[in-house]
Amino acid sequence: MNTIKIAVIGLGYVGLPLARLFATKFAVIGFDINKDRIHDLQSGTDTTLEVEDEVLQSVLVKEPSSENGLFCSSNLEDIRNCNYYIVTVPTPVDKNNRPDLTPLYKSSETVGKVLKKGDIVIYESTVYPGVTEEECIPVLENISGLKFNEDFYAGYSPERINPGDKLHTVEKILKVTAGSTPEIGKKVDALYASVIEAGTHRAPTIKVAEAAKVIENSQRDINIAFVNELAKIFNAMDIDTHAVLEAAGTKWNFLPFKPGLVGGHCIGVDPYYLAQRAQEFGYHPEIILAGRRLNDSMGQYVASEIIKLMVKKDIHIKGAKVLVLGITFKENCPDVRNTKAVDVISNLESFGTNVTIYDPWANPDEVKHEYGLTTTKKLPSEKYDAVVLTVSHNEYLKIDFASLLNKNGVLYDVKGILKVKTDGRL
């Protein structure tokens, strides 16, 4: 009889695909405080589109069971009998770009209320080195009354989910694992190895695993910042940045990064976690923060470039109609968390333009709640003084841009994907 029973805490872009995968071999309780989310999932629908409805429905069960399958719940009692707790909640930053560990604290309190002797708590949320053992474990001990590494244990396995990516799904991405003791490290590794086709890498300590994850995204952020700076330089020189990158990419060891808006819940956030931790140890990280500053400035840069192009075409800026294509943080994905498209929009509006946002993927209610912006899922039929492509959704490749632009209108391609002639791009 299978004695492993897993609770996955947080059923978002990371938690649900993981819970679904584990449910093919184990009894899994998916726990989330969002009752609407639980209702949708129990009905067999994933609004994040990370798990296809048929795949989700194939593992769903109608009540907690000792057999394989996924039961989704917002009832704390339903996870009381689990012996593995996997925490997959967000780790955002506040308005000052300081790490906000509130979701981790809250979820640790939740687990602490049902924690028993022998249980293992595994964290997947991206954090700076030390958060699991120095921030989360004390909460578990305080709430449960149990002692760490005597009564209960911990593990860490950083998430590597790529939202919207149907090729690199959770089972096909190699998983880093770690445990609070060597023995627990082996147990945590074996648990993931049982479902991860790509295999696992067991790190020697939890802090090593935490550090490995946070530098993955920091490295990407720095590399994208470099090509964003190149784009600014080459635009000033009237040189095609993409043509330069294509030529340089003919060398076998050239890294193929492209310029663009860098947002989302990982690359746009994680460098701040590492920087904050470094500063606590008395070191001021120069390259990490410089890269983040440059990437954070790209929305303003794009907007100013668009305005310059409009001025050159004698378009009256105040009251000009601008259509922005895309509000999600990346292509072919409904995720709007920390999207930098809003920076382009707010800066365009600061010049007095009237902005319309068309995004067939984004949930208008979610965008309204998060940013106070109105979006549409239907392509408008009117004409605009400027059309700005900020996100490379597949739907945009089919648009007849001539039908959207006024005479002398500006077409700006932030992503550099359009085959038609544009007035500007990064």
Protein backbone atom coordinates (compact mmCIF):
# COMPACT_ATOMS: atom_id res chain seq x y z
CA MET A 1 0.00 0.00 0.00
CA ASN A 2 1.28 3.46 -0.90
CA THR A 3 1.96 5.36 2.36
CA ILE A 4 2.93 8.66 0.71
CA LYS A 5 0.20 11.30 0.79
CA ILE A 6 1.10 14.72 -0.57
CA ALA A 7 -0.42 18.14 0.06
CA VAL A 8 0.46 20.85 -2.48
CA ILE A 9 -0.08 24.29 -0.94
CA GLY A 10 -0.92 26.86 -3.62
CA LEU A 11 -2.52 25.82 -6.92
CA GLY A 12 -1.26 28.50 -9.29
CA TYR A 13 1.05 28.28 -12.30
CA VAL A 14 3.54 26.18 -10.32
CA GLY A 15 1.43 24.21 -7.87
CA LEU A 16 -1.24 22.82 -10.16
CA PRO A 17 1.06 21.22 -12.78
CA LEU A 18 3.10 19.69 -9.96
CA ALA A 19 0.01 18.42 -8.11
CA ARG A 20 -1.36 16.94 -11.33
CA LEU A 21 1.92 15.15 -12.00
CA PHE A 22 2.24 13.71 -8.49
CA ALA A 23 -1.41 12.61 -8.63
CA THR A 24 -0.54 10.10 -11.36
CA LYS A 25 1.33 8.07 -8.73
CA PHE A 26 0.22 9.30 -5.30
CA ALA A 27 -2.76 10.52 -3.35
CA VAL A 28 -2.57 14.32 -3.59
CA ILE A 29 -4.55 17.09 -1.91
CA GLY A 30 -4.28 20.39 -3.71
CA PHE A 31 -4.88 23.20 -1.20
CA ASP A 32 -5.60 26.83 -2.01
CA ILE A 33 -7.29 29.59 -0.01
CA ASN A 34 -8.99 30.90 -3.18
CA LYS A 35 -12.38 29.18 -3.14
CA ASP A 36 -13.21 30.28 -6.69
CA ARG A 37 -9.99 28.68 -7.88
CA ILE A 38 -10.88 25.43 -6.08
CA HIS A 39 -14.37 25.45 -7.61
CA ASP A 40 -12.97 25.84 -11.12
CA LEU A 41 -10.41 23.07 -10.61
CA GLN A 42 -12.90 20.62 -9.10
CA SER A 43 -15.08 21.36 -12.12
CA GLY A 44 -12.16 20.28 -14.30
CA THR A 45 -11.08 23.68 -15.62
CA ASP A 46 -7.71 25.42 -15.22
CA THR A 47 -8.06 29.14 -15.99
CA THR A 48 -4.26 29.57 -16.07
CA LEU A 49 -4.21 27.18 -19.07
CA GLU A 50 -1.12 25.42 -17.68
CA VAL A 51 -2.91 22.07 -17.46
CA GLU A 52 -5.26 21.03 -20.24
CA ASP A 53 -8.76 20.30 -19.01
CA GLU A 54 -8.70 16.68 -20.22
CA VAL A 55 -5.41 16.06 -18.43
CA LEU A 56 -6.69 17.68 -15.23
CA GLN A 57 -9.94 15.72 -15.33
CA SER A 58 -8.05 12.45 -15.76
CA VAL A 59 -6.54 12.73 -12.25
CA LEU A 60 -9.35 14.46 -10.32
CA VAL A 61 -11.12 12.61 -7.54
CA LYS A 62 -14.30 13.77 -5.80
CA GLU A 63 -13.10 13.21 -2.23
CA PRO A 64 -9.81 12.68 -0.35
CA SER A 65 -8.54 9.16 -0.90
CA SER A 66 -5.61 6.88 -0.16
CA GLU A 67 -5.46 6.00 -3.87
CA ASN A 68 -3.77 7.93 -6.66
CA GLY A 69 -5.53 11.11 -7.72
CA LEU A 70 -5.95 14.82 -7.06
CA PHE A 71 -8.53 16.32 -4.73
CA CYS A 72 -8.65 20.11 -4.61
CA SER A 73 -9.77 21.82 -1.42
CA SER A 74 -9.72 25.01 0.65
CA ASN A 75 -10.54 23.06 3.81
CA LEU A 76 -7.59 22.75 6.20
CA GLU A 77 -8.88 19.44 7.60
CA ASP A 78 -8.45 17.78 4.20
CA ILE A 79 -4.65 18.08 4.38
CA ARG A 80 -4.29 16.95 8.00
CA ASN A 81 -3.47 13.34 7.10
CA CYS A 82 -0.74 14.13 4.57
CA ASN A 83 2.92 13.38 5.32
CA TYR A 84 4.55 15.49 2.59
CA TYR A 85 3.67 19.18 2.31
CA ILE A 86 4.91 21.02 -0.78
CA VAL A 87 4.63 24.82 -0.65
CA THR A 88 4.34 26.55 -4.04
CA VAL A 89 3.15 30.06 -3.21
CA PRO A 90 4.35 33.29 -4.90
CA THR A 91 7.31 35.30 -3.61
CA PRO A 92 6.74 38.87 -4.83
CA VAL A 93 8.45 42.16 -3.99
CA ASP A 94 6.81 45.22 -2.47
CA LYS A 95 6.57 48.69 -4.04
CA ASN A 96 10.17 49.36 -2.96
CA ASN A 97 11.38 46.11 -4.58
CA ARG A 98 12.01 44.48 -1.20
CA PRO A 99 11.20 40.76 -0.82
CA ASP A 100 7.67 40.17 0.47
CA LEU A 101 7.62 36.85 2.32
CA THR A 102 4.01 37.22 3.50
CA PRO A 103 2.67 34.34 1.32
CA LEU A 104 5.44 32.07 2.66
CA TYR A 105 4.70 33.02 6.27
CA LYS A 106 0.97 32.46 5.81
CA SER A 107 1.38 29.11 4.08
CA SER A 108 3.88 27.99 6.74
CA GLU A 109 1.31 28.86 9.40
CA THR A 110 -1.24 26.78 7.53
CA VAL A 111 1.06 23.77 7.36
CA GLY A 112 2.11 24.25 10.99
CA LYS A 113 -1.49 23.76 12.12
CA VAL A 114 -1.59 20.21 10.72
CA LEU A 115 2.09 19.20 11.00
CA LYS A 116 2.79 15.84 12.69
CA LYS A 117 5.86 13.91 13.76
CA GLY A 118 7.75 12.48 10.81
CA ASP A 119 6.26 14.88 8.25
CA ILE A 120 8.41 16.55 5.59
CA VAL A 121 7.75 20.11 4.38
CA ILE A 122 9.22 20.98 0.97
CA TYR A 123 9.39 24.54 -0.32
CA GLU A 124 9.44 25.32 -4.04
CA SER A 125 9.01 29.11 -3.94
CA THR A 126 11.97 31.10 -5.25
CA VAL A 127 13.79 32.79 -2.36
CA TYR A 128 17.20 34.07 -1.31
CA PRO A 129 19.53 31.59 0.44
CA GLY A 130 18.46 31.03 4.03
CA VAL A 131 14.71 31.71 3.81
CA THR A 132 13.60 28.10 4.28
CA GLU A 133 15.61 27.43 7.43
CA GLU A 134 15.74 30.94 8.91
CA GLU A 135 12.25 32.27 8.09
CA CYS A 136 9.90 29.39 7.36
CA ILE A 137 11.08 26.71 9.79
CA PRO A 138 10.64 28.93 12.89
CA VAL A 139 7.03 29.52 11.85
CA LEU A 140 6.45 25.78 11.51
CA GLU A 141 8.02 25.13 14.92
CA ASN A 142 6.07 27.90 16.63
CA ILE A 143 2.67 26.88 15.25
CA SER A 144 3.09 23.10 15.52
CA GLY A 145 5.06 22.92 18.77
CA LEU A 146 7.35 20.39 17.08
CA LYS A 147 11.15 20.51 16.82
CA PHE A 148 12.90 20.80 13.47
CA ASN A 149 15.05 17.82 12.39
CA GLU A 150 13.79 15.82 15.35
CA ASP A 151 10.02 15.77 14.97
CA PHE A 152 9.64 17.04 11.40
CA TYR A 153 11.94 17.75 8.46
CA ALA A 154 12.28 20.09 5.51
CA GLY A 155 13.29 20.05 1.88
CA TYR A 156 13.71 22.47 -0.97
CA SER A 157 13.19 21.91 -4.69
CA PRO A 158 13.06 25.15 -6.68
CA GLU A 159 10.30 25.41 -9.27
CA ARG A 160 11.36 25.64 -12.89
CA ILE A 161 7.95 26.09 -14.48
CA ASN A 162 7.92 28.21 -17.63
CA PRO A 163 4.33 29.57 -17.95
CA GLY A 164 2.77 29.00 -21.34
CA ASP A 165 5.52 26.58 -22.42
CA LYS A 166 3.93 23.33 -23.63
CA LEU A 167 7.27 21.79 -24.58
CA HIS A 168 9.20 22.18 -21.30
CA THR A 169 6.54 20.84 -18.94
CA VAL A 170 7.27 20.06 -15.30
CA GLU A 171 8.14 16.38 -15.83
CA LYS A 172 10.57 17.27 -18.63
CA ILE A 173 12.63 19.77 -16.63
CA LEU A 174 15.46 18.42 -14.46
CA LYS A 175 14.69 19.06 -10.79
CA VAL A 176 17.13 20.27 -8.15
CA THR A 177 16.37 18.81 -4.71
CA ALA A 178 17.72 19.16 -1.18
CA GLY A 179 16.86 18.05 2.33
CA SER A 180 17.49 19.28 5.86
CA THR A 181 19.52 16.14 6.63
CA PRO A 182 21.35 13.73 4.29
CA GLU A 183 18.69 11.07 4.84
CA ILE A 184 15.83 13.49 4.18
CA GLY A 185 17.69 14.74 1.11
CA LYS A 186 17.55 11.22 -0.30
CA LYS A 187 13.83 10.92 0.47
CA VAL A 188 13.00 14.25 -1.14
CA ASP A 189 15.09 13.37 -4.18
CA ALA A 190 13.42 9.96 -4.51
CA LEU A 191 9.98 11.53 -4.30
CA TYR A 192 10.65 13.85 -7.24
CA ALA A 193 12.63 11.25 -9.17
CA SER A 194 9.55 9.03 -9.17
CA VAL A 195 7.68 11.44 -11.46
CA ILE A 196 10.29 13.72 -13.12
CA GLU A 197 11.29 12.11 -16.43
CA ALA A 198 14.25 14.47 -16.90
CA GLY A 199 15.84 13.32 -13.65
CA THR A 200 17.00 15.10 -10.52
CA HIS A 201 20.10 16.74 -9.07
CA ARG A 202 20.49 16.41 -5.31
CA ALA A 203 22.18 19.51 -3.87
CA PRO A 204 24.24 19.12 -0.67
CA THR A 205 22.20 21.65 1.35
CA ILE A 206 18.96 23.60 1.19
CA LYS A 207 20.87 26.89 0.92
CA VAL A 208 22.78 25.63 -2.12
CA ALA A 209 19.48 24.73 -3.82
CA GLU A 210 17.97 28.12 -2.92
CA ALA A 211 21.02 29.93 -4.28
CA ALA A 212 21.05 27.88 -7.49
CA LYS A 213 17.49 28.90 -8.29
CA VAL A 214 17.84 32.60 -7.56
CA ILE A 215 20.97 32.92 -9.75
CA GLU A 216 19.28 31.17 -12.70
CA ASN A 217 16.90 34.07 -13.16
CA SER A 218 19.45 36.72 -12.16
CA GLN A 219 21.77 35.46 -14.89
CA ARG A 220 19.01 35.73 -17.52
CA ASP A 221 18.11 39.20 -16.27
CA ILE A 222 21.69 40.44 -16.62
CA ASN A 223 22.06 38.96 -20.11
CA ILE A 224 18.81 40.53 -21.31
CA ALA A 225 19.86 43.85 -19.76
CA PHE A 226 23.04 43.68 -21.85
CA VAL A 227 21.16 43.25 -25.14
CA ASN A 228 18.65 45.92 -24.08
CA GLU A 229 21.56 48.30 -23.66
CA LEU A 230 22.87 47.24 -27.06
CA ALA A 231 19.44 48.02 -28.53
CA LYS A 232 19.59 51.54 -27.12
CA ILE A 233 23.11 52.04 -28.49
CA PHE A 234 22.36 50.66 -31.95
CA ASN A 235 19.06 52.52 -32.21
CA ALA A 236 20.99 55.76 -31.61
CA MET A 237 23.38 54.70 -34.41
CA ASP A 238 20.50 53.71 -36.71
CA ILE A 239 21.73 50.11 -36.81
CA ASP A 240 19.34 47.13 -36.83
CA THR A 241 19.90 45.44 -33.46
CA HIS A 242 18.32 42.15 -34.55
CA ALA A 243 20.53 42.01 -37.62
CA VAL A 244 23.57 42.55 -35.39
CA LEU A 245 22.49 39.77 -33.01
CA GLU A 246 21.81 37.44 -35.94
CA ALA A 247 25.29 38.05 -37.32
CA ALA A 248 26.96 37.65 -33.93
CA GLY A 249 24.93 34.49 -33.32
CA THR A 250 26.82 32.68 -36.07
CA LYS A 251 29.62 32.13 -33.53
CA TRP A 252 29.07 28.85 -31.69
CA ASN A 253 29.38 30.29 -28.16
CA PHE A 254 27.43 33.52 -28.60
CA LEU A 255 24.45 33.59 -26.22
CA PRO A 256 21.17 34.15 -28.15
CA PHE A 257 19.40 36.66 -25.92
CA LYS A 258 17.02 39.23 -27.39
CA PRO A 259 16.01 42.72 -26.22
CA GLY A 260 12.58 43.31 -24.72
CA LEU A 261 10.44 44.05 -21.68
CA VAL A 262 11.51 41.94 -18.70
CA GLY A 263 8.68 41.33 -16.26
CA GLY A 264 6.87 38.36 -14.80
CA HIS A 265 7.07 36.71 -11.42
CA CYS A 266 10.61 35.32 -11.84
CA ILE A 267 13.18 37.25 -13.87
CA GLY A 268 11.66 40.62 -12.95
CA VAL A 269 11.64 39.79 -9.23
CA ASP A 270 14.28 37.25 -8.20
CA PRO A 271 17.36 39.48 -8.67
CA TYR A 272 15.96 41.74 -5.93
CA TYR A 273 15.86 38.77 -3.55
CA LEU A 274 19.53 38.00 -4.14
CA ALA A 275 20.49 41.68 -3.93
CA GLN A 276 18.63 42.14 -0.65
CA ARG A 277 20.38 39.15 0.90
CA ALA A 278 23.78 40.30 -0.34
CA GLN A 279 23.27 43.73 1.25
CA GLU A 280 22.38 42.07 4.57
CA PHE A 281 25.87 40.55 4.46
CA GLY A 282 27.46 43.93 3.77
CA TYR A 283 27.97 43.54 0.03
CA HIS A 284 26.38 45.93 -2.47
CA PRO A 285 25.76 44.01 -5.72
CA GLU A 286 26.58 46.29 -8.62
CA ILE A 287 25.98 44.18 -11.76
CA ILE A 288 22.75 42.58 -10.51
CA LEU A 289 21.12 45.89 -9.59
CA ALA A 290 22.46 47.69 -12.68
CA GLY A 291 20.87 45.04 -14.89
CA ARG A 292 17.56 45.32 -13.04
CA ARG A 293 17.57 49.11 -13.27
CA LEU A 294 18.17 48.98 -17.01
CA ASN A 295 15.44 46.41 -17.60
CA ASP A 296 13.02 48.32 -15.38
CA SER A 297 13.63 51.41 -17.54
CA MET A 298 12.70 49.80 -20.85
CA GLY A 299 8.99 50.64 -20.67
CA GLN A 300 9.79 54.35 -20.45
CA TYR A 301 12.37 54.04 -23.23
CA VAL A 302 9.94 52.28 -25.59
CA ALA A 303 7.23 54.88 -24.95
CA SER A 304 9.61 57.78 -25.60
CA GLU A 305 10.80 56.17 -28.85
CA ILE A 306 7.20 55.80 -30.03
CA ILE A 307 6.43 59.43 -29.20
CA LYS A 308 9.54 60.58 -31.12
CA LEU A 309 8.42 58.63 -34.19
CA MET A 310 4.93 60.17 -33.95
CA VAL A 311 6.40 63.67 -33.68
CA LYS A 312 8.56 63.06 -36.76
CA LYS A 313 5.39 62.18 -38.66
CA ASP A 314 3.65 65.37 -37.46
CA ILE A 315 1.11 63.42 -35.42
CA HIS A 316 -0.48 65.58 -32.72
CA ILE A 317 0.42 63.77 -29.50
CA LYS A 318 -2.25 64.98 -27.09
CA GLY A 319 -5.36 62.95 -27.75
CA ALA A 320 -3.61 60.66 -30.24
CA LYS A 321 -5.09 57.18 -30.43
CA VAL A 322 -2.68 54.35 -29.63
CA LEU A 323 -3.41 50.62 -29.80
CA VAL A 324 -1.23 48.44 -27.56
CA LEU A 325 -1.10 44.77 -28.49
CA GLY A 326 -0.49 42.73 -25.34
CA ILE A 327 -0.72 43.17 -21.58
CA THR A 328 0.50 39.76 -20.35
CA PHE A 329 4.12 39.42 -19.26
CA LYS A 330 4.95 36.94 -22.02
CA GLU A 331 3.54 35.48 -25.22
CA ASN A 332 0.72 32.92 -25.49
CA CYS A 333 0.08 32.95 -21.76
CA PRO A 334 -2.65 34.63 -19.63
CA ASP A 335 -0.26 35.56 -16.79
CA VAL A 336 -0.25 39.32 -16.11
CA ARG A 337 1.83 39.30 -12.93
CA ASN A 338 4.48 42.04 -12.91
CA THR A 339 4.00 42.71 -16.62
CA LYS A 340 6.15 45.55 -17.95
CA ALA A 341 3.67 46.29 -20.72
CA VAL A 342 1.91 48.50 -18.15
CA ASP A 343 5.05 50.68 -18.00
CA VAL A 344 4.78 51.33 -21.74
CA ILE A 345 1.07 52.12 -21.37
CA SER A 346 1.44 54.45 -18.38
CA ASN A 347 4.27 56.36 -20.06
CA LEU A 348 2.30 56.72 -23.30
CA GLU A 349 -0.67 58.01 -21.31
CA SER A 350 1.58 60.50 -19.52
CA PHE A 351 2.06 62.22 -22.89
CA GLY A 352 -1.71 62.64 -23.21
CA THR A 353 -2.40 59.81 -25.64
CA ASN A 354 -5.56 57.68 -25.52
CA VAL A 355 -4.51 54.05 -25.21
CA THR A 356 -6.60 51.01 -26.17
CA ILE A 357 -5.33 47.58 -25.05
CA TYR A 358 -6.10 44.44 -27.06
CA ASP A 359 -5.04 41.09 -25.60
CA PRO A 360 -6.86 37.85 -26.50
CA TRP A 361 -5.12 35.98 -23.66
CA ALA A 362 -5.51 38.28 -20.65
CA ASN A 363 -8.52 38.17 -18.33
CA PRO A 364 -10.02 41.70 -18.42
CA ASP A 365 -11.29 41.42 -14.83
CA GLU A 366 -7.83 40.44 -13.58
CA VAL A 367 -6.15 43.28 -15.46
CA LYS A 368 -8.70 45.73 -14.09
CA HIS A 369 -8.14 44.48 -10.55
CA GLU A 370 -4.34 44.47 -10.75
CA TYR A 371 -3.68 47.62 -12.75
CA GLY A 372 -6.95 49.54 -13.11
CA LEU A 373 -6.70 49.20 -16.90
CA THR A 374 -9.45 48.27 -19.34
CA THR A 375 -8.64 45.64 -21.95
CA THR A 376 -10.51 43.93 -24.75
CA LYS A 377 -10.26 40.39 -26.15
CA LYS A 378 -11.62 41.51 -29.52
CA LEU A 379 -9.47 43.32 -32.10
CA PRO A 380 -10.88 46.85 -32.54
CA SER A 381 -12.03 47.84 -36.02
CA GLU A 382 -11.13 51.55 -35.83
CA LYS A 383 -7.89 53.22 -36.95
CA TYR A 384 -5.04 54.45 -34.74
CA ASP A 385 -2.21 56.96 -34.87
CA ALA A 386 0.15 54.30 -33.48
CA VAL A 387 0.05 50.54 -32.99
CA VAL A 388 2.53 49.05 -30.51
CA LEU A 389 3.24 45.32 -30.30
CA THR A 390 4.46 44.61 -26.76
CA VAL A 391 3.79 40.86 -26.52
CA SER A 392 4.32 38.31 -29.30
CA HIS A 393 1.04 36.39 -29.10
CA ASN A 394 0.52 34.17 -32.16
CA GLU A 395 -2.76 35.96 -32.92
CA TYR A 396 -0.90 39.19 -33.70
CA LEU A 397 0.96 37.63 -36.63
CA LYS A 398 -2.35 37.38 -38.53
CA ILE A 399 -3.28 41.08 -38.17
CA ASP A 400 -3.60 43.35 -41.22
CA PHE A 401 -1.81 46.34 -39.72
CA ALA A 402 -2.60 48.61 -42.67
CA SER A 403 -6.28 48.39 -41.70
CA LEU A 404 -5.48 49.57 -38.16
CA LEU A 405 -3.28 52.58 -38.94
CA ASN A 406 -4.21 56.10 -39.93
CA LYS A 407 -2.24 57.68 -42.77
CA ASN A 408 1.34 58.23 -41.52
CA GLY A 409 0.54 56.11 -38.45
CA VAL A 410 3.40 54.54 -36.48
CA LEU A 411 3.89 50.76 -36.15
CA TYR A 412 6.34 49.85 -33.38
CA ASP A 413 7.40 46.23 -32.81
CA VAL A 414 8.89 45.83 -29.33
CA LYS A 415 9.47 42.09 -29.84
CA GLY A 416 10.93 42.31 -33.35
CA ILE A 417 8.74 39.51 -34.73
CA LEU A 418 6.65 41.21 -37.43
CA LYS A 419 7.47 40.47 -41.05
CA VAL A 420 5.84 43.69 -42.27
CA LYS A 421 7.72 46.97 -42.44
CA THR A 422 7.70 48.78 -39.09
CA ASP A 423 8.70 52.28 -38.02
CA GLY A 424 10.71 51.05 -35.06
CA ARG A 425 11.61 48.12 -32.82
CA LEU A 426 14.02 47.23 -30.06
